[in-house]
Protein backbone atom coordinates (compact mmCIF):
# COMPACT_ATOMS: atom_id res chain seq x y z
CA UNK A 1 116.31 105.82 73.45
CA UNK A 2 116.60 109.14 74.88
CA UNK A 3 115.47 109.32 78.62
CA UNK A 4 115.52 113.32 80.37
CA UNK A 5 114.11 113.59 83.82
CA UNK A 6 111.17 115.88 83.56
CA UNK A 7 111.06 118.66 86.37
CA UNK A 8 107.48 119.49 87.68
CA UNK A 9 107.01 123.50 87.71
CA UNK A 10 103.30 124.60 89.14
CA UNK A 11 101.69 122.64 90.76
CA UNK A 12 98.79 122.28 87.23
CA UNK A 13 101.88 120.53 85.99
CA UNK A 14 100.14 117.09 83.23
CA UNK A 15 101.92 114.42 83.44
CA UNK A 16 100.07 113.06 80.83
CA UNK A 17 102.76 111.59 78.20
CA UNK A 18 105.41 111.21 80.22
CA UNK A 19 106.73 107.85 82.10
CA UNK A 20 106.29 106.98 85.83
CA UNK A 21 109.47 105.42 86.76
CA UNK A 22 109.14 103.55 90.60
CA UNK A 23 112.21 104.04 92.88
CA UNK A 24 113.09 100.57 94.19
CA UNK A 25 111.04 99.30 97.18
CA UNK A 26 110.88 95.99 99.47
CA UNK A 27 106.71 96.59 98.51
CA UNK A 28 107.09 93.67 96.34
CA UNK A 29 103.69 95.00 94.73
CA UNK A 30 102.75 95.78 91.66
CA UNK A 31 104.05 99.11 91.72
CA UNK A 32 108.06 97.98 92.24
CA UNK A 33 109.79 98.31 89.44
CA UNK A 34 107.62 99.22 87.10
CA UNK A 35 107.38 102.05 84.01
CA UNK A 36 104.29 103.61 83.96
CA UNK A 37 102.55 105.75 80.36
CA UNK A 38 100.56 108.26 81.95
CA UNK A 39 98.20 108.10 79.91
CA UNK A 40 95.63 111.15 81.35
CA UNK A 41 96.86 113.62 84.42
CA UNK A 42 94.55 116.65 85.59
CA UNK A 43 93.25 118.10 88.10
CA UNK A 44 90.60 115.82 89.00
CA UNK A 45 93.34 112.62 89.08
CA UNK A 46 95.69 110.09 87.12
CA UNK A 47 95.28 107.56 84.79
CA UNK A 48 97.96 104.81 83.85
CA UNK A 49 98.59 101.52 82.42
CA UNK A 50 102.13 99.40 83.79
CA UNK A 51 103.89 99.16 80.62
CA UNK A 52 106.16 96.17 81.66
CA UNK A 53 104.44 93.79 84.05
CA UNK A 54 103.62 90.54 81.58
CA UNK A 55 100.83 88.23 82.81
CA UNK A 56 101.92 85.11 81.81
CA UNK A 57 99.22 82.84 82.88
CA UNK A 58 95.97 85.30 80.99
CA UNK A 59 98.58 85.84 78.18
CA UNK A 60 98.56 81.72 77.44
CA UNK A 61 94.86 81.61 77.87
CA UNK A 62 94.12 84.24 75.79
CA UNK A 63 96.43 83.12 72.78
CA UNK A 64 94.87 79.37 73.32
CA UNK A 65 91.36 80.86 72.60
CA UNK A 66 92.89 82.76 69.06
CA UNK A 67 95.39 80.80 68.42
CA UNK A 68 97.56 83.66 68.32
CA UNK A 69 100.23 85.11 70.56
CA UNK A 70 98.61 87.70 72.31
CA UNK A 71 100.97 89.18 75.20
CA UNK A 72 98.62 91.05 78.00
CA UNK A 73 100.22 93.24 80.59
CA UNK A 74 99.16 94.06 84.52
CA UNK A 75 97.90 97.79 83.67
CA UNK A 76 97.58 98.31 87.50
CA UNK A 77 95.39 97.43 90.63
CA UNK A 78 92.87 98.92 89.65
CA UNK A 79 89.41 97.12 87.80
CA UNK A 80 91.49 94.08 86.57
CA UNK A 81 88.19 92.76 85.00
CA UNK A 82 88.34 95.47 82.18
CA UNK A 83 90.76 95.53 78.98
CA UNK A 84 92.85 97.94 77.37
CA UNK A 85 94.47 98.84 74.62
CA UNK A 86 97.19 100.72 73.35
CA UNK A 87 97.34 100.60 69.03
CA UNK A 88 99.78 102.04 67.29
CA UNK A 89 99.00 103.44 64.00
CA UNK A 90 95.37 104.92 62.30
CA UNK A 91 92.42 104.71 65.11
CA UNK A 92 90.41 101.43 64.48
CA UNK A 93 87.11 103.64 65.72
CA UNK A 94 86.29 106.81 67.13
CA UNK A 95 86.05 105.42 70.75
CA UNK A 96 89.46 106.41 71.54
CA UNK A 97 91.98 108.38 73.61
CA UNK A 98 94.76 109.75 71.41
CA UNK A 99 98.00 109.53 73.61
CA UNK A 100 100.27 111.41 70.91
CA UNK A 101 100.57 111.36 66.99
CA UNK A 102 101.12 107.61 66.73
CA UNK A 103 99.46 105.78 69.45
CA UNK A 104 95.77 105.84 71.09
CA UNK A 105 93.88 104.01 73.38
CA UNK A 106 90.57 102.02 73.36
CA UNK A 107 88.81 99.51 75.64
CA UNK A 108 86.62 98.51 72.30
CA UNK A 109 87.28 94.84 72.58
CA UNK A 110 85.36 93.48 70.12
CA UNK A 111 86.59 96.05 67.13
CA UNK A 112 90.41 95.76 68.39
CA UNK A 113 89.62 91.31 68.27
CA UNK A 114 87.95 91.74 64.88
CA UNK A 115 90.14 93.70 62.81
CA UNK A 116 92.90 91.18 64.51
CA UNK A 117 90.97 88.30 63.20
CA UNK A 118 90.51 89.64 59.72
CA UNK A 119 94.47 91.35 59.67
CA UNK A 120 93.45 94.28 59.35
CA UNK A 121 95.05 95.06 62.32
CA UNK A 122 98.41 93.58 63.15
CA UNK A 123 98.85 92.00 66.90
CA UNK A 124 102.50 93.55 66.54
CA UNK A 125 100.42 96.76 67.07
CA UNK A 126 98.83 96.56 69.71
CA UNK A 127 99.69 95.92 73.70
CA UNK A 128 96.75 94.50 75.64
CA UNK A 129 96.04 95.24 79.71
CA UNK A 130 94.52 93.93 82.08
CA UNK A 131 93.09 96.54 84.93
CA UNK A 132 94.51 100.17 84.81
CA UNK A 133 96.89 102.66 87.48
CA UNK A 134 94.48 105.54 89.49
CA UNK A 135 95.49 108.27 91.67
CA UNK A 136 92.85 110.19 92.98
CA UNK A 137 93.05 113.73 92.95
CA UNK A 138 96.93 115.35 94.26
CA UNK A 139 97.77 111.47 95.02
CA UNK A 140 99.99 111.07 92.60
CA UNK A 141 102.03 114.93 92.81
CA UNK A 142 101.91 113.94 96.52
CA UNK A 143 103.44 110.47 95.72
CA UNK A 144 106.08 112.09 93.23
CA UNK A 145 107.18 114.78 95.88
CA UNK A 146 107.71 111.79 98.34
CA UNK A 147 110.23 110.31 95.82
CA UNK A 148 107.79 107.09 94.76
CA UNK A 149 108.09 107.90 91.25
CA UNK A 150 110.48 109.43 88.57
CA UNK A 151 108.91 111.31 86.20
CA UNK A 152 110.74 111.32 82.68
CA UNK A 153 110.45 111.34 79.26
CA UNK A 154 111.49 108.95 76.52
CA UNK A 155 111.46 109.38 73.10
CA UNK A 156 111.29 106.67 70.65
CA UNK A 157 109.97 104.17 73.46
CA UNK A 158 107.61 101.72 71.18
CA UNK A 159 104.68 101.89 73.65
CA UNK A 160 103.30 98.54 71.92
CA UNK A 161 106.83 96.18 71.85
CA UNK A 162 106.74 93.09 74.53
CA UNK A 163 108.87 94.36 76.70
CA UNK A 164 109.45 92.86 80.66
CA UNK A 165 111.06 93.88 83.71
CA UNK A 166 114.20 94.58 81.80
CA UNK A 167 112.46 97.91 80.83
CA UNK A 168 112.73 99.34 84.62
CA UNK A 169 116.71 99.23 84.45
CA UNK A 170 117.31 100.43 80.76
CA UNK A 171 115.61 103.31 81.58
CA UNK A 172 117.42 103.64 84.83
CA UNK A 173 120.60 102.74 82.90
CA UNK A 174 119.95 105.87 80.75
CA UNK A 175 119.45 108.25 83.24
CA UNK A 176 122.68 107.04 84.83
CA UNK A 177 124.05 109.16 88.10
CA UNK A 178 122.19 107.90 91.32
CA UNK A 179 119.91 105.93 89.22
CA UNK A 180 122.35 103.84 88.04
CA UNK A 181 122.75 102.43 91.49
CA UNK A 182 118.85 101.77 91.74
CA UNK A 183 119.66 100.02 87.82
CA UNK A 184 122.23 97.55 89.85
CA UNK A 185 120.57 97.01 93.32
CA UNK A 186 118.91 93.48 93.76
CA UNK A 187 114.84 93.22 93.35
CA UNK A 188 114.72 92.94 97.37
CA UNK A 189 116.63 95.99 98.46
CA UNK A 190 116.98 94.57 102.27
CA UNK A 191 119.14 91.99 100.79
CA UNK A 192 122.03 94.82 99.46
């Protein structure tokens, strides 16, 4: 995995396709030690999905329902009743948002489930999210300025892989420098 910090050059700079790495905090909320894929970012706001916060309870329930293992991730704190899918490969419908040449995002639950059940879509090429992370206009830019987030380019990261809290630590270690201190800090930094 190659990780490069992003240098912002202008206020109209978009973080679309970048990764947000949260800085350690004591709040313990959903964004603590999170890795967020920015799906969209423009002057109206930003939309992203947390890649490393698996919901074990929901995952077990979905696996019991379908009869095969499906991991469900907390996409963020907004609209947890909505389901989003990042899919690797060719789009299975026209209702999708292209993330890059290899991945797309869709909310079309029925088509994704049908494709997986009928073995036309490998479950390993799909990542399921409950809810999303959203920011109002200029909110994300202000959080980046206040150093709540570090924006990075990551190459060769498979968005559909099973990821846990180790992803945050690995990225921090790859960034090096002061990030190594954060990578080795305890989850509750007040204990340090």
